[in-house]
Amino acid sequence: MTTHPAPPTSAHEPSQRPSTLDRLRRTWYVTKVELWLDDETPRHEVKSLTEGLRGDLDAAAADSSMREAIAELGPARELARSYRQTLSRTRKPLWLTGVGMASAWLLVAMFATAFFASALWQSAGEHGRASAQLLWSEFAVVRTDTEISTSISGVHWTVLIALVVFVLGARLWRLIPALRPGTDD
């Protein structure tokens, strides 16, 4: 088992395993600290830091209680702020998050389009022709003895929305130096 470097820890380890309630308190506190550190600190540093924090809380709780150990550290947001001052900060776009969110949007749009076109195709049975507008796209279906066709126009809005979703998901404004936050909140 490998150990990770962590913030300064107590000299002794707790002699017994914390109770379930104490472990829940510790987990909730560490999770809140982790959330305040989330995309500002490299993942490996957050993992190392939280492992050390768990050990520190267990050691401090052995002397008193988990509730007192957590109270002594203060609010999770303040602790995360003090950690951010010592840890490296990365403010890079989250490319995979943006790609994933845009892909999810395009997949939903594709299934909605296929479902709508299928319903329109079925409704064209008797008359041979059907058309309808769904949000920003115009659908037309022709189903006669001499012609079978489906046409969709206005799909460019779907791509434009996917681009906006990508920009928001990836947080591309982080590429602009003037918009990068400073080291303090």
C-alpha atoms as a PDB file:
ATOM      1  CA  MET A   1       0.000   0.000   0.000  1.00  0.00           C
ATOM      2  CA  THR A   2       1.423   3.363  -0.958  1.00  0.00           C
ATOM      3  CA  THR A   3       1.166   6.420   1.192  1.00  0.00           C
ATOM      4  CA  HIS A   4       0.635   9.884  -0.172  1.00  0.00           C
ATOM      5  CA  PRO A   5       2.165  13.080   1.167  1.00  0.00           C
ATOM      6  CA  ALA A   6      -0.290  15.080   3.231  1.00  0.00           C
ATOM      7  CA  PRO A   7      -0.478  18.210   5.336  1.00  0.00           C
ATOM      8  CA  PRO A   8       1.228  17.991   8.727  1.00  0.00           C
ATOM      9  CA  THR A   9      -0.247  15.197  10.826  1.00  0.00           C
ATOM     10  CA  SER A  10      -0.325  14.270  14.466  1.00  0.00           C
ATOM     11  CA  ALA A  11       2.451  12.116  15.860  1.00  0.00           C
ATOM     12  CA  HIS A  12       0.168   9.277  16.934  1.00  0.00           C
ATOM     13  CA  GLU A  13      -2.437   7.160  15.195  1.00  0.00           C
ATOM     14  CA  PRO A  14      -5.872   6.548  16.699  1.00  0.00           C
ATOM     15  CA  SER A  15      -6.003   3.362  18.721  1.00  0.00           C
ATOM     16  CA  GLN A  16      -9.471   2.325  17.594  1.00  0.00           C
ATOM     17  CA  ARG A  17     -11.634   2.657  14.529  1.00  0.00           C
ATOM     18  CA  PRO A  18     -14.061   5.612  14.620  1.00  0.00           C
ATOM     19  CA  SER A  19     -17.750   4.841  15.068  1.00  0.00           C
ATOM     20  CA  THR A  20     -20.079   4.834  12.082  1.00  0.00           C
ATOM     21  CA  LEU A  21     -21.465   8.237  13.034  1.00  0.00           C
ATOM     22  CA  ASP A  22     -17.948   9.664  13.379  1.00  0.00           C
ATOM     23  CA  ARG A  23     -16.962   8.220   9.994  1.00  0.00           C
ATOM     24  CA  LEU A  24     -20.054   9.817   8.456  1.00  0.00           C
ATOM     25  CA  ARG A  25     -19.200  13.176  10.014  1.00  0.00           C
ATOM     26  CA  ARG A  26     -15.610  12.883   8.804  1.00  0.00           C
ATOM     27  CA  THR A  27     -16.689  11.855   5.297  1.00  0.00           C
ATOM     28  CA  TRP A  28     -19.167  14.724   5.044  1.00  0.00           C
ATOM     29  CA  TYR A  29     -16.579  17.275   6.182  1.00  0.00           C
ATOM     30  CA  VAL A  30     -13.854  15.940   3.874  1.00  0.00           C
ATOM     31  CA  THR A  31     -16.333  15.890   0.972  1.00  0.00           C
ATOM     32  CA  LYS A  32     -17.206  19.540   1.575  1.00  0.00           C
ATOM     33  CA  VAL A  33     -13.506  20.459   1.616  1.00  0.00           C
ATOM     34  CA  GLU A  34     -13.031  18.463  -1.582  1.00  0.00           C
ATOM     35  CA  LEU A  35     -15.936  20.247  -3.274  1.00  0.00           C
ATOM     36  CA  TRP A  36     -14.425  23.641  -2.475  1.00  0.00           C
ATOM     37  CA  LEU A  37     -11.138  22.466  -3.982  1.00  0.00           C
ATOM     38  CA  ASP A  38     -12.669  20.693  -6.963  1.00  0.00           C
ATOM     39  CA  ASP A  39     -11.620  22.087 -10.328  1.00  0.00           C
ATOM     40  CA  GLU A  40      -9.032  24.498  -8.926  1.00  0.00           C
ATOM     41  CA  THR A  41      -6.527  21.938  -7.696  1.00  0.00           C
ATOM     42  CA  PRO A  42      -5.057  18.973  -9.584  1.00  0.00           C
ATOM     43  CA  ARG A  43      -6.926  15.765  -8.759  1.00  0.00           C
ATOM     44  CA  HIS A  44      -3.858  13.925  -7.409  1.00  0.00           C
ATOM     45  CA  GLU A  45      -3.200  16.757  -4.936  1.00  0.00           C
ATOM     46  CA  VAL A  46      -6.822  16.765  -3.772  1.00  0.00           C
ATOM     47  CA  LYS A  47      -6.680  13.006  -3.211  1.00  0.00           C
ATOM     48  CA  SER A  48      -3.452  13.271  -1.248  1.00  0.00           C
ATOM     49  CA  LEU A  49      -4.782  16.150   0.803  1.00  0.00           C
ATOM     50  CA  THR A  50      -8.074  14.446   1.683  1.00  0.00           C
ATOM     51  CA  GLU A  51      -6.346  11.217   2.694  1.00  0.00           C
ATOM     52  CA  GLY A  52      -4.118  13.212   5.063  1.00  0.00           C
ATOM     53  CA  LEU A  53      -7.122  15.144   6.366  1.00  0.00           C
ATOM     54  CA  ARG A  54      -8.963  11.910   7.173  1.00  0.00           C
ATOM     55  CA  GLY A  55      -5.963  10.657   9.118  1.00  0.00           C
ATOM     56  CA  ASP A  56      -5.619  13.971  10.986  1.00  0.00           C
ATOM     57  CA  LEU A  57      -9.296  13.954  11.905  1.00  0.00           C
ATOM     58  CA  ASP A  58      -9.113  10.366  13.149  1.00  0.00           C
ATOM     59  CA  ALA A  59      -6.052  11.184  15.253  1.00  0.00           C
ATOM     60  CA  ALA A  60      -7.644  14.323  16.709  1.00  0.00           C
ATOM     61  CA  ALA A  61     -10.908  12.470  17.368  1.00  0.00           C
ATOM     62  CA  ALA A  62      -8.996   9.837  19.389  1.00  0.00           C
ATOM     63  CA  ASP A  63      -8.095  12.597  21.867  1.00  0.00           C
ATOM     64  CA  SER A  64     -11.611  14.092  22.032  1.00  0.00           C
ATOM     65  CA  SER A  65     -14.447  13.483  19.544  1.00  0.00           C
ATOM     66  CA  MET A  66     -14.903  13.765  15.801  1.00  0.00           C
ATOM     67  CA  ARG A  67     -17.326  16.647  16.296  1.00  0.00           C
ATOM     68  CA  GLU A  68     -14.703  18.593  18.284  1.00  0.00           C
ATOM     69  CA  ALA A  69     -11.942  17.711  15.803  1.00  0.00           C
ATOM     70  CA  ILE A  70     -14.029  19.077  12.934  1.00  0.00           C
ATOM     71  CA  ALA A  71     -15.030  22.178  14.906  1.00  0.00           C
ATOM     72  CA  GLU A  72     -11.359  22.844  15.642  1.00  0.00           C
ATOM     73  CA  LEU A  73     -10.562  22.901  11.916  1.00  0.00           C
ATOM     74  CA  GLY A  74     -13.352  25.379  11.206  1.00  0.00           C
ATOM     75  CA  PRO A  75     -15.680  25.635   8.211  1.00  0.00           C
ATOM     76  CA  ALA A  76     -14.780  23.429   5.240  1.00  0.00           C
ATOM     77  CA  ARG A  77     -14.737  26.418   2.896  1.00  0.00           C
ATOM     78  CA  GLU A  78     -12.169  28.250   5.023  1.00  0.00           C
ATOM     79  CA  LEU A  79      -9.981  25.168   5.318  1.00  0.00           C
ATOM     80  CA  ALA A  80     -10.135  24.670   1.543  1.00  0.00           C
ATOM     81  CA  ARG A  81      -9.197  28.325   1.036  1.00  0.00           C
ATOM     82  CA  SER A  82      -6.112  27.906   3.232  1.00  0.00           C
ATOM     83  CA  TYR A  83      -5.141  24.737   1.342  1.00  0.00           C
ATOM     84  CA  ARG A  84      -5.548  26.501  -2.020  1.00  0.00           C
ATOM     85  CA  GLN A  85      -2.954  29.051  -0.980  1.00  0.00           C
ATOM     86  CA  THR A  86      -0.322  26.312  -0.630  1.00  0.00           C
ATOM     87  CA  LEU A  87      -1.337  23.976  -3.463  1.00  0.00           C
ATOM     88  CA  SER A  88      -0.777  24.464  -7.164  1.00  0.00           C
ATOM     89  CA  ARG A  89      -3.732  25.820  -9.025  1.00  0.00           C
ATOM     90  CA  THR A  90      -4.810  24.889 -12.482  1.00  0.00           C
ATOM     91  CA  ARG A  91      -7.400  26.956 -14.262  1.00  0.00           C
ATOM     92  CA  LYS A  92      -7.563  25.096 -17.520  1.00  0.00           C
ATOM     93  CA  PRO A  93     -10.652  24.405 -19.570  1.00  0.00           C
ATOM     94  CA  LEU A  94     -12.317  21.083 -18.829  1.00  0.00           C
ATOM     95  CA  TRP A  95     -12.225  19.780 -22.388  1.00  0.00           C
ATOM     96  CA  LEU A  96     -13.637  16.324 -21.709  1.00  0.00           C
ATOM     97  CA  THR A  97     -16.504  17.736 -19.689  1.00  0.00           C
ATOM     98  CA  GLY A  98     -17.388  20.063 -22.558  1.00  0.00           C
ATOM     99  CA  VAL A  99     -17.163  17.293 -25.139  1.00  0.00           C
ATOM    100  CA  GLY A 100     -19.258  14.987 -22.958  1.00  0.00           C
ATOM    101  CA  MET A 101     -21.981  17.580 -22.391  1.00  0.00           C
ATOM    102  CA  ALA A 102     -22.110  18.559 -26.096  1.00  0.00           C
ATOM    103  CA  SER A 103     -22.222  14.889 -27.088  1.00  0.00           C
ATOM    104  CA  ALA A 104     -25.048  14.245 -24.656  1.00  0.00           C
ATOM    105  CA  TRP A 105     -26.990  17.171 -26.122  1.00  0.00           C
ATOM    106  CA  LEU A 106     -26.428  15.939 -29.687  1.00  0.00           C
ATOM    107  CA  LEU A 107     -27.489  12.413 -28.713  1.00  0.00           C
ATOM    108  CA  VAL A 108     -30.708  13.673 -27.114  1.00  0.00           C
ATOM    109  CA  ALA A 109     -31.390  15.894 -30.148  1.00  0.00           C
ATOM    110  CA  MET A 110     -30.747  12.969 -32.504  1.00  0.00           C
ATOM    111  CA  PHE A 111     -33.149  10.657 -30.655  1.00  0.00           C
ATOM    112  CA  ALA A 112     -35.813  13.375 -30.439  1.00  0.00           C
ATOM    113  CA  THR A 113     -35.454  14.019 -34.187  1.00  0.00           C
ATOM    114  CA  ALA A 114     -35.689  10.309 -35.017  1.00  0.00           C
ATOM    115  CA  PHE A 115     -38.727   9.863 -32.772  1.00  0.00           C
ATOM    116  CA  PHE A 116     -40.480  12.904 -34.260  1.00  0.00           C
ATOM    117  CA  ALA A 117     -39.658  11.872 -37.846  1.00  0.00           C
ATOM    118  CA  SER A 118     -40.968   8.368 -37.138  1.00  0.00           C
ATOM    119  CA  ALA A 119     -44.254   9.747 -35.804  1.00  0.00           C
ATOM    120  CA  LEU A 120     -44.537  12.047 -38.809  1.00  0.00           C
ATOM    121  CA  TRP A 121     -43.797   9.146 -41.149  1.00  0.00           C
ATOM    122  CA  GLN A 122     -46.665   7.157 -39.637  1.00  0.00           C
ATOM    123  CA  SER A 123     -49.067  10.080 -39.909  1.00  0.00           C
ATOM    124  CA  ALA A 124     -48.269  10.499 -43.626  1.00  0.00           C
ATOM    125  CA  GLY A 125     -49.783   7.115 -44.439  1.00  0.00           C
ATOM    126  CA  GLU A 126     -53.212   8.084 -45.749  1.00  0.00           C
ATOM    127  CA  HIS A 127     -52.440  11.409 -47.438  1.00  0.00           C
ATOM    128  CA  GLY A 128     -48.954  10.555 -48.612  1.00  0.00           C
ATOM    129  CA  ARG A 129     -47.492  13.829 -47.352  1.00  0.00           C
ATOM    130  CA  ALA A 130     -46.943  15.323 -43.911  1.00  0.00           C
ATOM    131  CA  SER A 131     -44.938  18.175 -42.520  1.00  0.00           C
ATOM    132  CA  ALA A 132     -44.536  19.785 -39.146  1.00  0.00           C
ATOM    133  CA  GLN A 133     -42.244  22.092 -37.270  1.00  0.00           C
ATOM    134  CA  LEU A 134     -40.521  21.041 -34.055  1.00  0.00           C
ATOM    135  CA  LEU A 135     -38.899  23.936 -32.236  1.00  0.00           C
ATOM    136  CA  TRP A 136     -36.384  25.161 -34.820  1.00  0.00           C
ATOM    137  CA  SER A 137     -36.543  22.360 -37.405  1.00  0.00           C
ATOM    138  CA  GLU A 138     -38.983  21.761 -40.254  1.00  0.00           C
ATOM    139  CA  PHE A 139     -39.791  18.108 -40.996  1.00  0.00           C
ATOM    140  CA  ALA A 140     -41.387  16.917 -44.235  1.00  0.00           C
ATOM    141  CA  VAL A 141     -42.290  13.360 -45.203  1.00  0.00           C
ATOM    142  CA  VAL A 142     -43.532  12.133 -48.560  1.00  0.00           C
ATOM    143  CA  ARG A 143     -44.761   8.565 -48.811  1.00  0.00           C
ATOM    144  CA  THR A 144     -46.535   7.788 -52.069  1.00  0.00           C
ATOM    145  CA  ASP A 145     -46.374   4.987 -54.627  1.00  0.00           C
ATOM    146  CA  THR A 146     -43.814   6.918 -56.677  1.00  0.00           C
ATOM    147  CA  GLU A 147     -41.809   8.751 -54.002  1.00  0.00           C
ATOM    148  CA  ILE A 148     -40.502   8.091 -50.531  1.00  0.00           C
ATOM    149  CA  SER A 149     -38.515  10.854 -48.826  1.00  0.00           C
ATOM    150  CA  THR A 150     -37.826  12.560 -45.554  1.00  0.00           C
ATOM    151  CA  SER A 151     -36.332  16.017 -45.236  1.00  0.00           C
ATOM    152  CA  ILE A 152     -35.254  18.047 -42.260  1.00  0.00           C
ATOM    153  CA  SER A 153     -34.228  21.685 -42.399  1.00  0.00           C
ATOM    154  CA  GLY A 154     -33.038  24.010 -39.682  1.00  0.00           C
ATOM    155  CA  VAL A 155     -30.756  21.520 -37.917  1.00  0.00           C
ATOM    156  CA  HIS A 156     -28.017  24.163 -37.657  1.00  0.00           C
ATOM    157  CA  TRP A 157     -29.632  25.352 -34.412  1.00  0.00           C
ATOM    158  CA  THR A 158     -28.929  21.962 -32.870  1.00  0.00           C
ATOM    159  CA  VAL A 159     -25.237  22.317 -33.693  1.00  0.00           C
ATOM    160  CA  LEU A 160     -25.174  25.905 -32.402  1.00  0.00           C
ATOM    161  CA  ILE A 161     -26.739  24.808 -29.109  1.00  0.00           C
ATOM    162  CA  ALA A 162     -24.185  21.966 -28.896  1.00  0.00           C
ATOM    163  CA  LEU A 163     -21.422  24.543 -29.305  1.00  0.00           C
ATOM    164  CA  VAL A 164     -22.859  26.681 -26.490  1.00  0.00           C
ATOM    165  CA  VAL A 165     -23.159  23.589 -24.265  1.00  0.00           C
ATOM    166  CA  PHE A 166     -19.521  22.739 -25.047  1.00  0.00           C
ATOM    167  CA  VAL A 167     -18.326  26.260 -24.145  1.00  0.00           C
ATOM    168  CA  LEU A 168     -20.244  26.187 -20.851  1.00  0.00           C
ATOM    169  CA  GLY A 169     -19.173  22.630 -19.982  1.00  0.00           C
ATOM    170  CA  ALA A 170     -15.510  23.195 -20.795  1.00  0.00           C
ATOM    171  CA  ARG A 171     -15.504  26.655 -19.198  1.00  0.00           C
ATOM    172  CA  LEU A 172     -13.578  28.103 -22.121  1.00  0.00           C
ATOM    173  CA  TRP A 173     -13.456  31.573 -20.570  1.00  0.00           C
ATOM    174  CA  ARG A 174     -10.553  30.246 -18.518  1.00  0.00           C
ATOM    175  CA  LEU A 175      -8.395  30.655 -21.617  1.00  0.00           C
ATOM    176  CA  ILE A 176      -8.703  34.439 -21.326  1.00  0.00           C
ATOM    177  CA  PRO A 177      -6.084  35.641 -18.799  1.00  0.00           C
ATOM    178  CA  ALA A 178      -8.132  38.681 -17.743  1.00  0.00           C
ATOM    179  CA  LEU A 179     -11.021  36.426 -16.693  1.00  0.00           C
ATOM    180  CA  ARG A 180      -8.961  34.055 -14.584  1.00  0.00           C
ATOM    181  CA  PRO A 181      -9.651  34.476 -10.887  1.00  0.00           C
ATOM    182  CA  GLY A 182      -6.821  35.459  -8.585  1.00  0.00           C
ATOM    183  CA  THR A 183      -5.472  33.272  -5.853  1.00  0.00           C
ATOM    184  CA  ASP A 184      -8.019  34.531  -3.339  1.00  0.00           C
ATOM    185  CA  ASP A 185     -11.788  34.272  -3.603  1.00  0.00           C
END
